[in-house]
Amino acid sequence: MKKYKKNKFQVAIDSPAAAGAGTQAKLISKHYKLLYLDSGKIYRLLAYLKIKNPKNFSYSFISKKMRILKMSDLQSKKLLSDSVGNMASIIAKDVQIRKLAHNFQMECAYNPPKKYNGSIIDGRDITYKIMPEADFKFFITASVKTRALRRYRELKGLNKKISLNEVLKSIKKRDKSDYNRKVSPLKRTKDQYLISSENESKRSCFLKIKQIIDKKINA
């Protein structure tokens, strides 16, 4: 296995679905000029491909896809559907698939392009599996009802026909899967900064995180 040497600024974020981690990661990325990767999008992309073409979906197919994967491939709005999210949660339990996705995540974490000061990745196992030596580790969360409402509004904004109750059930299902899977489950660790986005605006939540980062880097 390739060895990676930490030589740039790193921020790792773990969170349950729709807690606002992606929004905060983008703001942090822009402010500190860090390469941003939403690791969950990798599994969503694979889930989308499996749903669209299940007969060709195999470890060999995934391996080839990972070798040519570009950040732009992860930006499609097609990856945001509820069905893709549920399939992604199932796929993420597969040890072999996680190994195939692992190398791409590690390259983003440890070898960002020179124009970046470092990297920031959010997901479910980033703080303890992908970037255990990160300078900052955050766990962002909110109540299941708040998260469901956020996801519902996001989907409605994409003109998806879905009810709030359906989204709530989906979020609860995702939580159960993410926290209880045997491989790289979502979990709290002692070295994470806990950030609640429950009653916070995007801006106020970002400022809390920025204060933590600035206090350390300016010490």
C-alpha atoms as a PDB file:
ATOM      1  CA  MET A   1       0.000   0.000   0.000  1.00  0.00           C
ATOM      2  CA  LYS A   2       1.233   3.476  -0.892  1.00  0.00           C
ATOM      3  CA  LYS A   3       2.530   5.507   2.037  1.00  0.00           C
ATOM      4  CA  TYR A   4       1.336   9.068   2.450  1.00  0.00           C
ATOM      5  CA  LYS A   5       3.250  11.847   4.166  1.00  0.00           C
ATOM      6  CA  LYS A   6       1.314  14.678   5.759  1.00  0.00           C
ATOM      7  CA  ASN A   7       2.827  17.971   4.649  1.00  0.00           C
ATOM      8  CA  LYS A   8      -0.179  20.258   4.220  1.00  0.00           C
ATOM      9  CA  PHE A   9      -3.025  21.707   6.279  1.00  0.00           C
ATOM     10  CA  GLN A  10      -5.823  19.148   6.779  1.00  0.00           C
ATOM     11  CA  VAL A  11      -9.385  19.389   8.047  1.00  0.00           C
ATOM     12  CA  ALA A  12     -11.566  16.292   8.522  1.00  0.00           C
ATOM     13  CA  ILE A  13     -15.319  16.319   9.101  1.00  0.00           C
ATOM     14  CA  ASP A  14     -17.687  13.476   9.958  1.00  0.00           C
ATOM     15  CA  SER A  15     -21.446  13.890  10.233  1.00  0.00           C
ATOM     16  CA  PRO A  16     -24.790  12.150   9.792  1.00  0.00           C
ATOM     17  CA  ALA A  17     -26.796  12.870   6.632  1.00  0.00           C
ATOM     18  CA  ALA A  18     -27.994  16.457   6.024  1.00  0.00           C
ATOM     19  CA  ALA A  19     -26.302  17.930   9.115  1.00  0.00           C
ATOM     20  CA  GLY A  20     -24.763  20.717   7.050  1.00  0.00           C
ATOM     21  CA  ALA A  21     -21.220  19.339   6.886  1.00  0.00           C
ATOM     22  CA  GLY A  22     -20.978  19.817   3.134  1.00  0.00           C
ATOM     23  CA  THR A  23     -22.006  23.458   3.359  1.00  0.00           C
ATOM     24  CA  GLN A  24     -19.472  24.131   6.106  1.00  0.00           C
ATOM     25  CA  ALA A  25     -16.728  22.223   4.297  1.00  0.00           C
ATOM     26  CA  LYS A  26     -17.237  24.380   1.207  1.00  0.00           C
ATOM     27  CA  LEU A  27     -17.048  27.575   3.264  1.00  0.00           C
ATOM     28  CA  ILE A  28     -13.899  26.385   5.055  1.00  0.00           C
ATOM     29  CA  SER A  29     -12.397  25.268   1.748  1.00  0.00           C
ATOM     30  CA  LYS A  30     -12.947  28.683   0.180  1.00  0.00           C
ATOM     31  CA  HIS A  31     -11.719  30.653   3.190  1.00  0.00           C
ATOM     32  CA  TYR A  32      -8.487  28.696   3.717  1.00  0.00           C
ATOM     33  CA  LYS A  33      -7.978  27.692   0.068  1.00  0.00           C
ATOM     34  CA  LEU A  34      -8.237  23.946   0.633  1.00  0.00           C
ATOM     35  CA  LEU A  35      -9.125  21.195  -1.833  1.00  0.00           C
ATOM     36  CA  TYR A  36     -12.619  19.986  -0.925  1.00  0.00           C
ATOM     37  CA  LEU A  37     -13.910  16.443  -1.316  1.00  0.00           C
ATOM     38  CA  ASP A  38     -17.349  15.223  -0.285  1.00  0.00           C
ATOM     39  CA  SER A  39     -16.412  11.565   0.120  1.00  0.00           C
ATOM     40  CA  GLY A  40     -20.044  10.508   0.198  1.00  0.00           C
ATOM     41  CA  LYS A  41     -20.393  11.642  -3.409  1.00  0.00           C
ATOM     42  CA  ILE A  42     -18.051   8.812  -4.445  1.00  0.00           C
ATOM     43  CA  TYR A  43     -20.503   6.252  -3.091  1.00  0.00           C
ATOM     44  CA  ARG A  44     -23.446   8.190  -4.503  1.00  0.00           C
ATOM     45  CA  LEU A  45     -21.839   8.115  -7.951  1.00  0.00           C
ATOM     46  CA  LEU A  46     -21.302   4.368  -7.698  1.00  0.00           C
ATOM     47  CA  ALA A  47     -24.868   3.940  -6.421  1.00  0.00           C
ATOM     48  CA  TYR A  48     -26.196   5.908  -9.393  1.00  0.00           C
ATOM     49  CA  LEU A  49     -24.197   3.734 -11.789  1.00  0.00           C
ATOM     50  CA  LYS A  50     -25.462   0.574 -10.100  1.00  0.00           C
ATOM     51  CA  ILE A  51     -29.090   1.710 -10.340  1.00  0.00           C
ATOM     52  CA  LYS A  52     -28.704   2.686 -13.999  1.00  0.00           C
ATOM     53  CA  ASN A  53     -26.731  -0.331 -15.137  1.00  0.00           C
ATOM     54  CA  PRO A  54     -26.804  -3.148 -12.554  1.00  0.00           C
ATOM     55  CA  LYS A  55     -25.624  -5.861 -14.989  1.00  0.00           C
ATOM     56  CA  ASN A  56     -22.243  -4.181 -15.552  1.00  0.00           C
ATOM     57  CA  PHE A  57     -21.709  -3.228 -11.920  1.00  0.00           C
ATOM     58  CA  SER A  58     -18.740  -5.195 -10.554  1.00  0.00           C
ATOM     59  CA  TYR A  59     -15.502  -4.688  -8.616  1.00  0.00           C
ATOM     60  CA  SER A  60     -13.626  -4.565 -11.909  1.00  0.00           C
ATOM     61  CA  PHE A  61     -15.995  -1.872 -13.201  1.00  0.00           C
ATOM     62  CA  ILE A  62     -15.575   0.146  -9.990  1.00  0.00           C
ATOM     63  CA  SER A  63     -11.788  -0.190 -10.106  1.00  0.00           C
ATOM     64  CA  LYS A  64     -11.686   1.218 -13.644  1.00  0.00           C
ATOM     65  CA  LYS A  65     -14.023   4.054 -12.657  1.00  0.00           C
ATOM     66  CA  MET A  66     -11.849   5.006  -9.677  1.00  0.00           C
ATOM     67  CA  ARG A  67      -8.749   5.235 -11.876  1.00  0.00           C
ATOM     68  CA  ILE A  68     -10.343   7.826 -14.168  1.00  0.00           C
ATOM     69  CA  LEU A  69     -12.522   9.588 -11.595  1.00  0.00           C
ATOM     70  CA  LYS A  70     -12.453  13.391 -11.664  1.00  0.00           C
ATOM     71  CA  MET A  71     -13.822  15.823  -9.108  1.00  0.00           C
ATOM     72  CA  SER A  72     -16.233  17.144 -11.739  1.00  0.00           C
ATOM     73  CA  ASP A  73     -17.834  13.678 -11.976  1.00  0.00           C
ATOM     74  CA  LEU A  74     -19.122  14.141  -8.438  1.00  0.00           C
ATOM     75  CA  GLN A  75     -20.998  17.387  -9.088  1.00  0.00           C
ATOM     76  CA  SER A  76     -24.061  16.021 -10.922  1.00  0.00           C
ATOM     77  CA  LYS A  77     -27.426  16.840  -9.334  1.00  0.00           C
ATOM     78  CA  LYS A  78     -28.537  13.330 -10.302  1.00  0.00           C
ATOM     79  CA  LEU A  79     -26.529  12.073  -7.327  1.00  0.00           C
ATOM     80  CA  LEU A  80     -28.733  13.922  -4.826  1.00  0.00           C
ATOM     81  CA  SER A  81     -31.875  11.783  -5.113  1.00  0.00           C
ATOM     82  CA  ASP A  82     -33.180   9.836  -2.136  1.00  0.00           C
ATOM     83  CA  SER A  83     -32.960   6.504  -3.969  1.00  0.00           C
ATOM     84  CA  VAL A  84     -29.303   7.123  -4.808  1.00  0.00           C
ATOM     85  CA  GLY A  85     -28.623   8.054  -1.177  1.00  0.00           C
ATOM     86  CA  ASN A  86     -30.168   4.843   0.131  1.00  0.00           C
ATOM     87  CA  MET A  87     -28.256   2.737  -2.384  1.00  0.00           C
ATOM     88  CA  ALA A  88     -25.038   4.576  -1.487  1.00  0.00           C
ATOM     89  CA  SER A  89     -25.548   3.626   2.165  1.00  0.00           C
ATOM     90  CA  ILE A  90     -25.810  -0.031   1.151  1.00  0.00           C
ATOM     91  CA  ILE A  91     -22.778   0.112  -1.145  1.00  0.00           C
ATOM     92  CA  ALA A  92     -20.698   1.806   1.567  1.00  0.00           C
ATOM     93  CA  LYS A  93     -20.957  -1.350   3.696  1.00  0.00           C
ATOM     94  CA  ASP A  94     -18.969  -3.345   1.123  1.00  0.00           C
ATOM     95  CA  VAL A  95     -15.352  -3.717   2.286  1.00  0.00           C
ATOM     96  CA  GLN A  96     -13.975  -4.169  -1.215  1.00  0.00           C
ATOM     97  CA  ILE A  97     -15.769  -1.111  -2.574  1.00  0.00           C
ATOM     98  CA  ARG A  98     -14.456   0.990   0.315  1.00  0.00           C
ATOM     99  CA  LYS A  99     -10.926  -0.182  -0.468  1.00  0.00           C
ATOM    100  CA  LEU A 100     -11.350   0.842  -4.097  1.00  0.00           C
ATOM    101  CA  ALA A 101     -12.648   4.275  -3.069  1.00  0.00           C
ATOM    102  CA  HIS A 102      -9.972   4.647  -0.396  1.00  0.00           C
ATOM    103  CA  ASN A 103      -7.081   5.467  -2.745  1.00  0.00           C
ATOM    104  CA  PHE A 104      -8.937   8.338  -4.391  1.00  0.00           C
ATOM    105  CA  GLN A 105      -9.763   9.804  -0.979  1.00  0.00           C
ATOM    106  CA  MET A 106      -6.161   9.463   0.165  1.00  0.00           C
ATOM    107  CA  GLU A 107      -4.832  11.217  -2.923  1.00  0.00           C
ATOM    108  CA  CYS A 108      -7.203  14.122  -2.293  1.00  0.00           C
ATOM    109  CA  ALA A 109      -6.268  14.229   1.400  1.00  0.00           C
ATOM    110  CA  TYR A 110      -2.493  14.012   1.067  1.00  0.00           C
ATOM    111  CA  ASN A 111      -1.682  15.148  -2.470  1.00  0.00           C
ATOM    112  CA  PRO A 112      -3.885  18.162  -3.292  1.00  0.00           C
ATOM    113  CA  PRO A 113      -2.730  20.280  -6.279  1.00  0.00           C
ATOM    114  CA  LYS A 114      -0.033  22.851  -5.467  1.00  0.00           C
ATOM    115  CA  LYS A 115      -2.477  25.755  -5.727  1.00  0.00           C
ATOM    116  CA  TYR A 116      -4.161  24.577  -2.506  1.00  0.00           C
ATOM    117  CA  ASN A 117      -2.891  25.100   1.052  1.00  0.00           C
ATOM    118  CA  GLY A 118      -4.174  21.674   1.998  1.00  0.00           C
ATOM    119  CA  SER A 119      -7.352  19.627   1.973  1.00  0.00           C
ATOM    120  CA  ILE A 120     -10.720  19.221   3.633  1.00  0.00           C
ATOM    121  CA  ILE A 121     -12.836  16.090   3.373  1.00  0.00           C
ATOM    122  CA  ASP A 122     -16.214  15.286   4.889  1.00  0.00           C
ATOM    123  CA  GLY A 123     -17.905  11.924   5.224  1.00  0.00           C
ATOM    124  CA  ARG A 124     -18.554   9.231   7.807  1.00  0.00           C
ATOM    125  CA  ASP A 125     -15.087   7.837   8.621  1.00  0.00           C
ATOM    126  CA  ILE A 126     -12.778  10.694   7.676  1.00  0.00           C
ATOM    127  CA  THR A 127     -11.588  11.758  11.139  1.00  0.00           C
ATOM    128  CA  TYR A 128     -10.358   8.330  12.207  1.00  0.00           C
ATOM    129  CA  LYS A 129      -9.858   6.350   8.981  1.00  0.00           C
ATOM    130  CA  ILE A 130      -8.891   8.602   6.079  1.00  0.00           C
ATOM    131  CA  MET A 131      -7.240  11.559   7.847  1.00  0.00           C
ATOM    132  CA  PRO A 132      -6.379  10.426  11.402  1.00  0.00           C
ATOM    133  CA  GLU A 133      -3.535  12.988  11.523  1.00  0.00           C
ATOM    134  CA  ALA A 134      -5.704  15.920  10.406  1.00  0.00           C
ATOM    135  CA  ASP A 135      -4.975  19.249  12.078  1.00  0.00           C
ATOM    136  CA  PHE A 136      -8.675  19.648  12.863  1.00  0.00           C
ATOM    137  CA  LYS A 137     -11.400  17.037  13.289  1.00  0.00           C
ATOM    138  CA  PHE A 138     -15.026  18.060  13.495  1.00  0.00           C
ATOM    139  CA  PHE A 139     -18.269  16.179  14.084  1.00  0.00           C
ATOM    140  CA  ILE A 140     -21.215  18.228  12.833  1.00  0.00           C
ATOM    141  CA  THR A 141     -24.722  17.203  13.804  1.00  0.00           C
ATOM    142  CA  ALA A 142     -28.356  18.283  14.258  1.00  0.00           C
ATOM    143  CA  SER A 143     -31.617  16.582  15.217  1.00  0.00           C
ATOM    144  CA  VAL A 144     -33.110  14.092  12.782  1.00  0.00           C
ATOM    145  CA  LYS A 145     -36.178  16.327  12.240  1.00  0.00           C
ATOM    146  CA  THR A 146     -34.039  19.347  11.386  1.00  0.00           C
ATOM    147  CA  ARG A 147     -31.893  17.301   9.028  1.00  0.00           C
ATOM    148  CA  ALA A 148     -34.939  15.800   7.314  1.00  0.00           C
ATOM    149  CA  LEU A 149     -36.428  19.251   6.771  1.00  0.00           C
ATOM    150  CA  ARG A 150     -33.178  20.496   5.245  1.00  0.00           C
ATOM    151  CA  ARG A 151     -32.968  17.547   2.871  1.00  0.00           C
ATOM    152  CA  TYR A 152     -36.666  17.918   1.983  1.00  0.00           C
ATOM    153  CA  ARG A 153     -36.156  21.583   1.048  1.00  0.00           C
ATOM    154  CA  GLU A 154     -33.066  20.666  -0.960  1.00  0.00           C
ATOM    155  CA  LEU A 155     -34.971  18.014  -2.912  1.00  0.00           C
ATOM    156  CA  LYS A 156     -37.976  20.282  -3.466  1.00  0.00           C
ATOM    157  CA  GLY A 157     -35.582  22.876  -4.811  1.00  0.00           C
ATOM    158  CA  LEU A 158     -34.579  20.281  -7.397  1.00  0.00           C
ATOM    159  CA  ASN A 159     -38.264  19.750  -8.232  1.00  0.00           C
ATOM    160  CA  LYS A 160     -38.335  16.263  -6.701  1.00  0.00           C
ATOM    161  CA  LYS A 161     -41.785  14.923  -5.849  1.00  0.00           C
ATOM    162  CA  ILE A 162     -41.359  13.634  -2.316  1.00  0.00           C
ATOM    163  CA  SER A 163     -43.018  14.191   1.062  1.00  0.00           C
ATOM    164  CA  LEU A 164     -41.344  15.354   4.262  1.00  0.00           C
ATOM    165  CA  ASN A 165     -42.405  12.117   5.948  1.00  0.00           C
ATOM    166  CA  GLU A 166     -40.670  10.069   3.248  1.00  0.00           C
ATOM    167  CA  VAL A 167     -37.476  12.065   3.709  1.00  0.00           C
ATOM    168  CA  LEU A 168     -37.687  11.677   7.506  1.00  0.00           C
ATOM    169  CA  LYS A 169     -37.964   7.886   7.155  1.00  0.00           C
ATOM    170  CA  SER A 170     -35.057   7.893   4.734  1.00  0.00           C
ATOM    171  CA  ILE A 171     -32.837   9.932   7.069  1.00  0.00           C
ATOM    172  CA  LYS A 172     -33.616   7.601   9.984  1.00  0.00           C
ATOM    173  CA  LYS A 173     -32.785   4.610   7.792  1.00  0.00           C
ATOM    174  CA  ARG A 174     -29.507   6.219   6.718  1.00  0.00           C
ATOM    175  CA  ASP A 175     -28.585   6.963  10.337  1.00  0.00           C
ATOM    176  CA  LYS A 176     -29.207   3.386  11.401  1.00  0.00           C
ATOM    177  CA  SER A 177     -27.093   2.096   8.543  1.00  0.00           C
ATOM    178  CA  ASP A 178     -24.259   4.612   9.001  1.00  0.00           C
ATOM    179  CA  TYR A 179     -23.921   4.194  12.774  1.00  0.00           C
ATOM    180  CA  ASN A 180     -24.293   0.409  12.858  1.00  0.00           C
ATOM    181  CA  ARG A 181     -22.391  -0.885   9.840  1.00  0.00           C
ATOM    182  CA  LYS A 182     -19.402  -3.070  10.670  1.00  0.00           C
ATOM    183  CA  VAL A 183     -17.067  -1.341   8.218  1.00  0.00           C
ATOM    184  CA  SER A 184     -16.039   2.257   8.977  1.00  0.00           C
ATOM    185  CA  PRO A 185     -19.187   3.298  10.867  1.00  0.00           C
ATOM    186  CA  LEU A 186     -20.058   6.883  11.702  1.00  0.00           C
ATOM    187  CA  LYS A 187     -18.941   7.532  15.278  1.00  0.00           C
ATOM    188  CA  ARG A 188     -17.929  10.188  17.777  1.00  0.00           C
ATOM    189  CA  THR A 189     -14.315  10.224  18.921  1.00  0.00           C
ATOM    190  CA  LYS A 190     -12.623  12.156  21.729  1.00  0.00           C
ATOM    191  CA  ASP A 191     -10.450  14.247  19.421  1.00  0.00           C
ATOM    192  CA  GLN A 192     -13.347  15.668  17.386  1.00  0.00           C
ATOM    193  CA  TYR A 193     -14.757  19.148  17.972  1.00  0.00           C
ATOM    194  CA  LEU A 194     -18.532  18.732  18.295  1.00  0.00           C
ATOM    195  CA  ILE A 195     -20.454  21.325  16.299  1.00  0.00           C
ATOM    196  CA  SER A 196     -24.249  21.494  16.458  1.00  0.00           C
ATOM    197  CA  SER A 197     -25.887  23.171  13.470  1.00  0.00           C
ATOM    198  CA  GLU A 198     -29.351  22.763  14.997  1.00  0.00           C
ATOM    199  CA  ASN A 199     -30.211  26.410  15.630  1.00  0.00           C
ATOM    200  CA  GLU A 200     -27.358  27.993  13.721  1.00  0.00           C
ATOM    201  CA  SER A 201     -27.314  29.855  10.441  1.00  0.00           C
ATOM    202  CA  LYS A 202     -24.745  28.729   7.877  1.00  0.00           C
ATOM    203  CA  ARG A 203     -22.711  31.831   8.670  1.00  0.00           C
ATOM    204  CA  SER A 204     -22.770  31.487  12.456  1.00  0.00           C
ATOM    205  CA  CYS A 205     -21.854  27.809  12.247  1.00  0.00           C
ATOM    206  CA  PHE A 206     -18.927  28.660   9.967  1.00  0.00           C
ATOM    207  CA  LEU A 207     -17.724  31.366  12.359  1.00  0.00           C
ATOM    208  CA  LYS A 208     -17.680  28.861  15.235  1.00  0.00           C
ATOM    209  CA  ILE A 209     -15.499  26.521  13.202  1.00  0.00           C
ATOM    210  CA  LYS A 210     -13.290  29.372  11.965  1.00  0.00           C
ATOM    211  CA  GLN A 211     -12.714  30.543  15.536  1.00  0.00           C
ATOM    212  CA  ILE A 212     -11.482  27.075  16.522  1.00  0.00           C
ATOM    213  CA  ILE A 213      -9.141  26.856  13.527  1.00  0.00           C
ATOM    214  CA  ASP A 214      -7.799  30.419  13.818  1.00  0.00           C
ATOM    215  CA  LYS A 215      -7.135  30.071  17.540  1.00  0.00           C
ATOM    216  CA  LYS A 216      -4.811  27.142  16.898  1.00  0.00           C
ATOM    217  CA  ILE A 217      -3.069  28.307  13.735  1.00  0.00           C
ATOM    218  CA  ASN A 218      -2.484  31.784  15.158  1.00  0.00           C
ATOM    219  CA  ALA A 219      -1.252  30.576  18.544  1.00  0.00           C
END
